[in-house]
Amino acid sequence: MAKTLELEFVTEFGKSARLSIDNPKEPIVEAVLKTAMEEMITSGVFTSTNGNFASIKGARVIDRNVTEYEII
């Protein structure tokens, strides 16, 4: 089972930008997540091809299960 935390931001040009984090530490606390995302915006360290991060759009955890079958 693989989990990915996906952070979504609105850029300075009104476009969407995503930042994905594999195997996030759980439990995820929404208040801590919001503070971290605000700090990412304020620091200006993260940018995208659509511009600098300007505001928070949302966040989600994607949980993916893969079942492989050996077919002979």
PDB file of N, CA and C in Angstrom:
ATOM      1  N   MET A   1       0.853  -1.170   0.000  1.00  0.00           N
ATOM      2  CA  MET A   1       0.000   0.000   0.000  1.00  0.00           C
ATOM      3  C   MET A   1       0.903   1.239   0.000  1.00  0.00           C
ATOM      4  N   ALA A   2       0.694   2.100  -0.965  1.00  0.00           N
ATOM      5  CA  ALA A   2       1.487   3.314  -1.076  1.00  0.00           C
ATOM      6  C   ALA A   2       0.587   4.518  -0.845  1.00  0.00           C
ATOM      7  N   LYS A   3       1.069   5.446  -0.031  1.00  0.00           N
ATOM      8  CA  LYS A   3       0.317   6.674   0.226  1.00  0.00           C
ATOM      9  C   LYS A   3       1.133   7.871  -0.239  1.00  0.00           C
ATOM     10  N   THR A   4       0.422   8.864  -0.733  1.00  0.00           N
ATOM     11  CA  THR A   4       1.031  10.109  -1.174  1.00  0.00           C
ATOM     12  C   THR A   4       0.198  11.261  -0.632  1.00  0.00           C
ATOM     13  N   LEU A   5       0.870  12.218  -0.029  1.00  0.00           N
ATOM     14  CA  LEU A   5       0.215  13.446   0.405  1.00  0.00           C
ATOM     15  C   LEU A   5       0.372  14.442  -0.729  1.00  0.00           C
ATOM     16  N   GLU A   6      -0.732  14.945  -1.244  1.00  0.00           N
ATOM     17  CA  GLU A   6      -0.708  15.885  -2.350  1.00  0.00           C
ATOM     18  C   GLU A   6      -1.162  17.257  -1.851  1.00  0.00           C
ATOM     19  N   LEU A   7      -0.283  18.239  -1.954  1.00  0.00           N
ATOM     20  CA  LEU A   7      -0.584  19.608  -1.546  1.00  0.00           C
ATOM     21  C   LEU A   7      -0.886  20.404  -2.802  1.00  0.00           C
ATOM     22  N   GLU A   8      -1.988  21.100  -2.813  1.00  0.00           N
ATOM     23  CA  GLU A   8      -2.366  21.882  -3.990  1.00  0.00           C
ATOM     24  C   GLU A   8      -2.421  23.363  -3.642  1.00  0.00           C
ATOM     25  N   PHE A   9      -1.774  24.138  -4.491  1.00  0.00           N
ATOM     26  CA  PHE A   9      -1.681  25.584  -4.303  1.00  0.00           C
ATOM     27  C   PHE A   9      -2.238  26.303  -5.519  1.00  0.00           C
ATOM     28  N   VAL A  10      -2.615  27.563  -5.317  1.00  0.00           N
ATOM     29  CA  VAL A  10      -2.951  28.466  -6.418  1.00  0.00           C
ATOM     30  C   VAL A  10      -1.728  29.355  -6.594  1.00  0.00           C
ATOM     31  N   THR A  11      -1.295  29.520  -7.840  1.00  0.00           N
ATOM     32  CA  THR A  11      -0.106  30.328  -8.105  1.00  0.00           C
ATOM     33  C   THR A  11      -0.473  31.797  -8.297  1.00  0.00           C
ATOM     34  N   GLU A  12       0.554  32.605  -8.406  1.00  0.00           N
ATOM     35  CA  GLU A  12       0.363  34.048  -8.603  1.00  0.00           C
ATOM     36  C   GLU A  12      -0.397  34.377  -9.886  1.00  0.00           C
ATOM     37  N   PHE A  13      -0.449  33.415 -10.824  1.00  0.00           N
ATOM     38  CA  PHE A  13      -1.154  33.634 -12.082  1.00  0.00           C
ATOM     39  C   PHE A  13      -2.519  32.950 -12.112  1.00  0.00           C
ATOM     40  N   GLY A  14      -2.971  32.471 -10.936  1.00  0.00           N
ATOM     41  CA  GLY A  14      -4.284  31.853 -10.837  1.00  0.00           C
ATOM     42  C   GLY A  14      -4.348  30.413 -11.311  1.00  0.00           C
ATOM     43  N   LYS A  15      -3.217  29.812 -11.554  1.00  0.00           N
ATOM     44  CA  LYS A  15      -3.158  28.419 -11.999  1.00  0.00           C
ATOM     45  C   LYS A  15      -2.944  27.508 -10.798  1.00  0.00           C
ATOM     46  N   SER A  16      -3.151  26.219 -10.993  1.00  0.00           N
ATOM     47  CA  SER A  16      -2.927  25.243  -9.929  1.00  0.00           C
ATOM     48  C   SER A  16      -1.517  24.676 -10.008  1.00  0.00           C
ATOM     49  N   ALA A  17      -0.971  24.365  -8.844  1.00  0.00           N
ATOM     50  CA  ALA A  17       0.335  23.699  -8.752  1.00  0.00           C
ATOM     51  C   ALA A  17       0.253  22.695  -7.625  1.00  0.00           C
ATOM     52  N   ARG A  18       0.865  21.535  -7.828  1.00  0.00           N
ATOM     53  CA  ARG A  18       0.817  20.473  -6.813  1.00  0.00           C
ATOM     54  C   ARG A  18       2.214  20.078  -6.380  1.00  0.00           C
ATOM     55  N   LEU A  19       2.295  19.691  -5.120  1.00  0.00           N
ATOM     56  CA  LEU A  19       3.530  19.185  -4.538  1.00  0.00           C
ATOM     57  C   LEU A  19       3.166  17.854  -3.877  1.00  0.00           C
ATOM     58  N   SER A  20       3.848  16.777  -4.271  1.00  0.00           N
ATOM     59  CA  SER A  20       3.536  15.453  -3.750  1.00  0.00           C
ATOM     60  C   SER A  20       4.627  14.967  -2.810  1.00  0.00           C
ATOM     61  N   ILE A  21       4.199  14.342  -1.712  1.00  0.00           N
ATOM     62  CA  ILE A  21       5.114  13.804  -0.710  1.00  0.00           C
ATOM     63  C   ILE A  21       4.773  12.332  -0.524  1.00  0.00           C
ATOM     64  N   ASP A  22       5.726  11.459  -0.831  1.00  0.00           N
ATOM     65  CA  ASP A  22       5.513  10.024  -0.685  1.00  0.00           C
ATOM     66  C   ASP A  22       5.605   9.612   0.779  1.00  0.00           C
ATOM     67  N   ASN A  23       4.799   8.645   1.147  1.00  0.00           N
ATOM     68  CA  ASN A  23       4.790   8.052   2.492  1.00  0.00           C
ATOM     69  C   ASN A  23       4.787   9.098   3.605  1.00  0.00           C
ATOM     70  N   PRO A  24       3.764   9.938   3.661  1.00  0.00           N
ATOM     71  CA  PRO A  24       3.717  10.981   4.692  1.00  0.00           C
ATOM     72  C   PRO A  24       3.591  10.393   6.090  1.00  0.00           C
ATOM     73  N   LYS A  25       4.142  11.109   7.060  1.00  0.00           N
ATOM     74  CA  LYS A  25       4.036  10.694   8.457  1.00  0.00           C
ATOM     75  C   LYS A  25       2.587  10.869   8.911  1.00  0.00           C
ATOM     76  N   GLU A  26       2.061   9.840   9.534  1.00  0.00           N
ATOM     77  CA  GLU A  26       0.679   9.907  10.002  1.00  0.00           C
ATOM     78  C   GLU A  26       0.633   9.850  11.518  1.00  0.00           C
ATOM     79  N   PRO A  27      -0.385  10.362  12.136  1.00  0.00           N
ATOM     80  CA  PRO A  27      -1.564  10.966  11.534  1.00  0.00           C
ATOM     81  C   PRO A  27      -1.262  12.372  11.028  1.00  0.00           C
ATOM     82  N   ILE A  28      -1.990  12.766  10.017  1.00  0.00           N
ATOM     83  CA  ILE A  28      -1.840  14.103   9.454  1.00  0.00           C
ATOM     84  C   ILE A  28      -2.795  15.029  10.203  1.00  0.00           C
ATOM     85  N   VAL A  29      -2.247  16.065  10.793  1.00  0.00           N
ATOM     86  CA  VAL A  29      -3.035  17.033  11.564  1.00  0.00           C
ATOM     87  C   VAL A  29      -3.287  18.241  10.667  1.00  0.00           C
ATOM     88  N   GLU A  30      -4.549  18.536  10.407  1.00  0.00           N
ATOM     89  CA  GLU A  30      -4.904  19.596   9.458  1.00  0.00           C
ATOM     90  C   GLU A  30      -4.313  20.953   9.821  1.00  0.00           C
ATOM     91  N   ALA A  31      -4.318  21.305  11.087  1.00  0.00           N
ATOM     92  CA  ALA A  31      -3.785  22.606  11.502  1.00  0.00           C
ATOM     93  C   ALA A  31      -2.281  22.690  11.228  1.00  0.00           C
ATOM     94  N   VAL A  32      -1.564  21.614  11.473  1.00  0.00           N
ATOM     95  CA  VAL A  32      -0.121  21.576  11.215  1.00  0.00           C
ATOM     96  C   VAL A  32       0.134  21.641   9.710  1.00  0.00           C
ATOM     97  N   LEU A  33      -0.664  20.916   8.948  1.00  0.00           N
ATOM     98  CA  LEU A  33      -0.543  20.916   7.495  1.00  0.00           C
ATOM     99  C   LEU A  33      -0.772  22.321   6.935  1.00  0.00           C
ATOM    100  N   LYS A  34      -1.804  22.998   7.425  1.00  0.00           N
ATOM    101  CA  LYS A  34      -2.111  24.358   6.952  1.00  0.00           C
ATOM    102  C   LYS A  34      -0.961  25.311   7.276  1.00  0.00           C
ATOM    103  N   THR A  35      -0.422  25.215   8.477  1.00  0.00           N
ATOM    104  CA  THR A  35       0.705  26.071   8.863  1.00  0.00           C
ATOM    105  C   THR A  35       1.914  25.808   7.974  1.00  0.00           C
ATOM    106  N   ALA A  36       2.197  24.541   7.710  1.00  0.00           N
ATOM    107  CA  ALA A  36       3.336  24.190   6.855  1.00  0.00           C
ATOM    108  C   ALA A  36       3.148  24.733   5.438  1.00  0.00           C
ATOM    109  N   MET A  37       1.941  24.619   4.917  1.00  0.00           N
ATOM    110  CA  MET A  37       1.674  25.128   3.568  1.00  0.00           C
ATOM    111  C   MET A  37       1.792  26.656   3.527  1.00  0.00           C
ATOM    112  N   GLU A  38       1.321  27.329   4.566  1.00  0.00           N
ATOM    113  CA  GLU A  38       1.462  28.790   4.623  1.00  0.00           C
ATOM    114  C   GLU A  38       2.930  29.195   4.662  1.00  0.00           C
ATOM    115  N   GLU A  39       3.748  28.433   5.396  1.00  0.00           N
ATOM    116  CA  GLU A  39       5.177  28.718   5.460  1.00  0.00           C
ATOM    117  C   GLU A  39       5.859  28.490   4.110  1.00  0.00           C
ATOM    118  N   MET A  40       5.400  27.492   3.365  1.00  0.00           N
ATOM    119  CA  MET A  40       5.939  27.253   2.022  1.00  0.00           C
ATOM    120  C   MET A  40       5.661  28.443   1.116  1.00  0.00           C
ATOM    121  N   ILE A  41       4.454  28.984   1.230  1.00  0.00           N
ATOM    122  CA  ILE A  41       4.081  30.146   0.411  1.00  0.00           C
ATOM    123  C   ILE A  41       4.924  31.351   0.810  1.00  0.00           C
ATOM    124  N   THR A  42       5.026  31.613   2.100  1.00  0.00           N
ATOM    125  CA  THR A  42       5.753  32.778   2.612  1.00  0.00           C
ATOM    126  C   THR A  42       7.239  32.722   2.267  1.00  0.00           C
ATOM    127  N   SER A  43       7.831  31.529   2.348  1.00  0.00           N
ATOM    128  CA  SER A  43       9.271  31.400   2.095  1.00  0.00           C
ATOM    129  C   SER A  43       9.638  31.659   0.638  1.00  0.00           C
ATOM    130  N   GLY A  44       8.728  31.362  -0.274  1.00  0.00           N
ATOM    131  CA  GLY A  44       9.009  31.562  -1.687  1.00  0.00           C
ATOM    132  C   GLY A  44       9.998  30.561  -2.268  1.00  0.00           C
ATOM    133  N   VAL A  45      10.304  29.515  -1.522  1.00  0.00           N
ATOM    134  CA  VAL A  45      11.274  28.518  -1.973  1.00  0.00           C
ATOM    135  C   VAL A  45      10.697  27.651  -3.092  1.00  0.00           C
ATOM    136  N   PHE A  46       9.423  27.319  -2.991  1.00  0.00           N
ATOM    137  CA  PHE A  46       8.801  26.453  -3.985  1.00  0.00           C
ATOM    138  C   PHE A  46       8.127  27.289  -5.067  1.00  0.00           C
ATOM    139  N   THR A  47       8.422  26.949  -6.308  1.00  0.00           N
ATOM    140  CA  THR A  47       7.779  27.595  -7.450  1.00  0.00           C
ATOM    141  C   THR A  47       7.375  26.514  -8.441  1.00  0.00           C
ATOM    142  N   SER A  48       6.624  26.891  -9.424  1.00  0.00           N
ATOM    143  CA  SER A  48       6.233  25.952 -10.474  1.00  0.00           C
ATOM    144  C   SER A  48       6.335  26.663 -11.816  1.00  0.00           C
ATOM    145  N   THR A  49       6.094  25.933 -12.872  1.00  0.00           N
ATOM    146  CA  THR A  49       6.105  26.547 -14.202  1.00  0.00           C
ATOM    147  C   THR A  49       4.960  27.545 -14.352  1.00  0.00           C
ATOM    148  N   ASN A  50       3.974  27.454 -13.455  1.00  0.00           N
ATOM    149  CA  ASN A  50       2.838  28.379 -13.475  1.00  0.00           C
ATOM    150  C   ASN A  50       3.016  29.550 -12.526  1.00  0.00           C
ATOM    151  N   GLY A  51       4.217  29.713 -11.940  1.00  0.00           N
ATOM    152  CA  GLY A  51       4.482  30.851 -11.060  1.00  0.00           C
ATOM    153  C   GLY A  51       4.683  30.434  -9.615  1.00  0.00           C
ATOM    154  N   ASN A  52       4.891  31.433  -8.771  1.00  0.00           N
ATOM    155  CA  ASN A  52       5.095  31.206  -7.337  1.00  0.00           C
ATOM    156  C   ASN A  52       3.788  30.825  -6.658  1.00  0.00           C
ATOM    157  N   PHE A  53       3.900  30.026  -5.601  1.00  0.00           N
ATOM    158  CA  PHE A  53       2.720  29.662  -4.820  1.00  0.00           C
ATOM    159  C   PHE A  53       2.167  30.922  -4.160  1.00  0.00           C
ATOM    160  N   ALA A  54       0.835  31.133  -4.271  1.00  0.00           N
ATOM    161  CA  ALA A  54       0.226  32.344  -3.730  1.00  0.00           C
ATOM    162  C   ALA A  54      -0.793  32.052  -2.624  1.00  0.00           C
ATOM    163  N   SER A  55      -1.515  30.928  -2.734  1.00  0.00           N
ATOM    164  CA  SER A  55      -2.497  30.582  -1.708  1.00  0.00           C
ATOM    165  C   SER A  55      -2.731  29.076  -1.695  1.00  0.00           C
ATOM    166  N   ILE A  56      -3.391  28.619  -0.631  1.00  0.00           N
ATOM    167  CA  ILE A  56      -3.687  27.195  -0.471  1.00  0.00           C
ATOM    168  C   ILE A  56      -4.991  26.867  -1.190  1.00  0.00           C
ATOM    169  N   LYS A  57      -4.961  25.811  -1.974  1.00  0.00           N
ATOM    170  CA  LYS A  57      -6.176  25.335  -2.630  1.00  0.00           C
ATOM    171  C   LYS A  57      -6.731  24.102  -1.915  1.00  0.00           C
ATOM    172  N   GLY A  58      -5.833  23.229  -1.423  1.00  0.00           N
ATOM    173  CA  GLY A  58      -6.308  22.042  -0.719  1.00  0.00           C
ATOM    174  C   GLY A  58      -5.195  21.030  -0.516  1.00  0.00           C
ATOM    175  N   ALA A  59      -5.543  19.922   0.104  1.00  0.00           N
ATOM    176  CA  ALA A  59      -4.600  18.834   0.337  1.00  0.00           C
ATOM    177  C   ALA A  59      -5.385  17.536   0.417  1.00  0.00           C
ATOM    178  N   ARG A  60      -4.723  16.450   0.047  1.00  0.00           N
ATOM    179  CA  ARG A  60      -5.378  15.154   0.122  1.00  0.00           C
ATOM    180  C   ARG A  60      -4.340  14.047   0.219  1.00  0.00           C
ATOM    181  N   VAL A  61      -4.771  12.927   0.773  1.00  0.00           N
ATOM    182  CA  VAL A  61      -3.932  11.741   0.815  1.00  0.00           C
ATOM    183  C   VAL A  61      -4.481  10.767  -0.206  1.00  0.00           C
ATOM    184  N   ILE A  62      -3.594  10.307  -1.068  1.00  0.00           N
ATOM    185  CA  ILE A  62      -3.965   9.318  -2.075  1.00  0.00           C
ATOM    186  C   ILE A  62      -3.420   7.984  -1.594  1.00  0.00           C
ATOM    187  N   ASP A  63      -4.314   7.021  -1.444  1.00  0.00           N
ATOM    188  CA  ASP A  63      -3.973   5.689  -0.943  1.00  0.00           C
ATOM    189  C   ASP A  63      -4.123   4.721  -2.106  1.00  0.00           C
ATOM    190  N   ARG A  64      -3.019   4.091  -2.486  1.00  0.00           N
ATOM    191  CA  ARG A  64      -3.050   3.220  -3.657  1.00  0.00           C
ATOM    192  C   ARG A  64      -2.667   1.796  -3.260  1.00  0.00           C
ATOM    193  N   ASN A  65      -3.517   0.866  -3.614  1.00  0.00           N
ATOM    194  CA  ASN A  65      -3.248  -0.550  -3.394  1.00  0.00           C
ATOM    195  C   ASN A  65      -2.990  -1.205  -4.745  1.00  0.00           C
ATOM    196  N   VAL A  66      -1.938  -1.982  -4.809  1.00  0.00           N
ATOM    197  CA  VAL A  66      -1.612  -2.696  -6.031  1.00  0.00           C
ATOM    198  C   VAL A  66      -1.594  -4.189  -5.722  1.00  0.00           C
ATOM    199  N   THR A  67      -2.350  -4.930  -6.493  1.00  0.00           N
ATOM    200  CA  THR A  67      -2.355  -6.386  -6.383  1.00  0.00           C
ATOM    201  C   THR A  67      -1.860  -6.971  -7.684  1.00  0.00           C
ATOM    202  N   GLU A  68      -0.753  -7.679  -7.623  1.00  0.00           N
ATOM    203  CA  GLU A  68      -0.203  -8.290  -8.832  1.00  0.00           C
ATOM    204  C   GLU A  68      -0.610  -9.754  -8.889  1.00  0.00           C
ATOM    205  N   TYR A  69      -0.887 -10.219 -10.092  1.00  0.00           N
ATOM    206  CA  TYR A  69      -1.254 -11.604 -10.315  1.00  0.00           C
ATOM    207  C   TYR A  69      -0.250 -12.228 -11.277  1.00  0.00           C
ATOM    208  N   GLU A  70       0.214 -13.396 -10.932  1.00  0.00           N
ATOM    209  CA  GLU A  70       1.131 -14.122 -11.809  1.00  0.00           C
ATOM    210  C   GLU A  70       0.281 -15.020 -12.695  1.00  0.00           C
ATOM    211  N   ILE A  71       0.232 -14.675 -13.942  1.00  0.00           N
ATOM    212  CA  ILE A  71      -0.573 -15.432 -14.889  1.00  0.00           C
ATOM    213  C   ILE A  71       0.359 -16.275 -15.742  1.00  0.00           C
ATOM    214  N   ILE A  72       0.124 -17.583 -15.676  1.00  0.00           N
ATOM    215  CA  ILE A  72       1.001 -18.511 -16.399  1.00  0.00           C
ATOM    216  C   ILE A  72       0.290 -19.066 -17.596  1.00  0.00           C
TER     217      ILE A  72
END
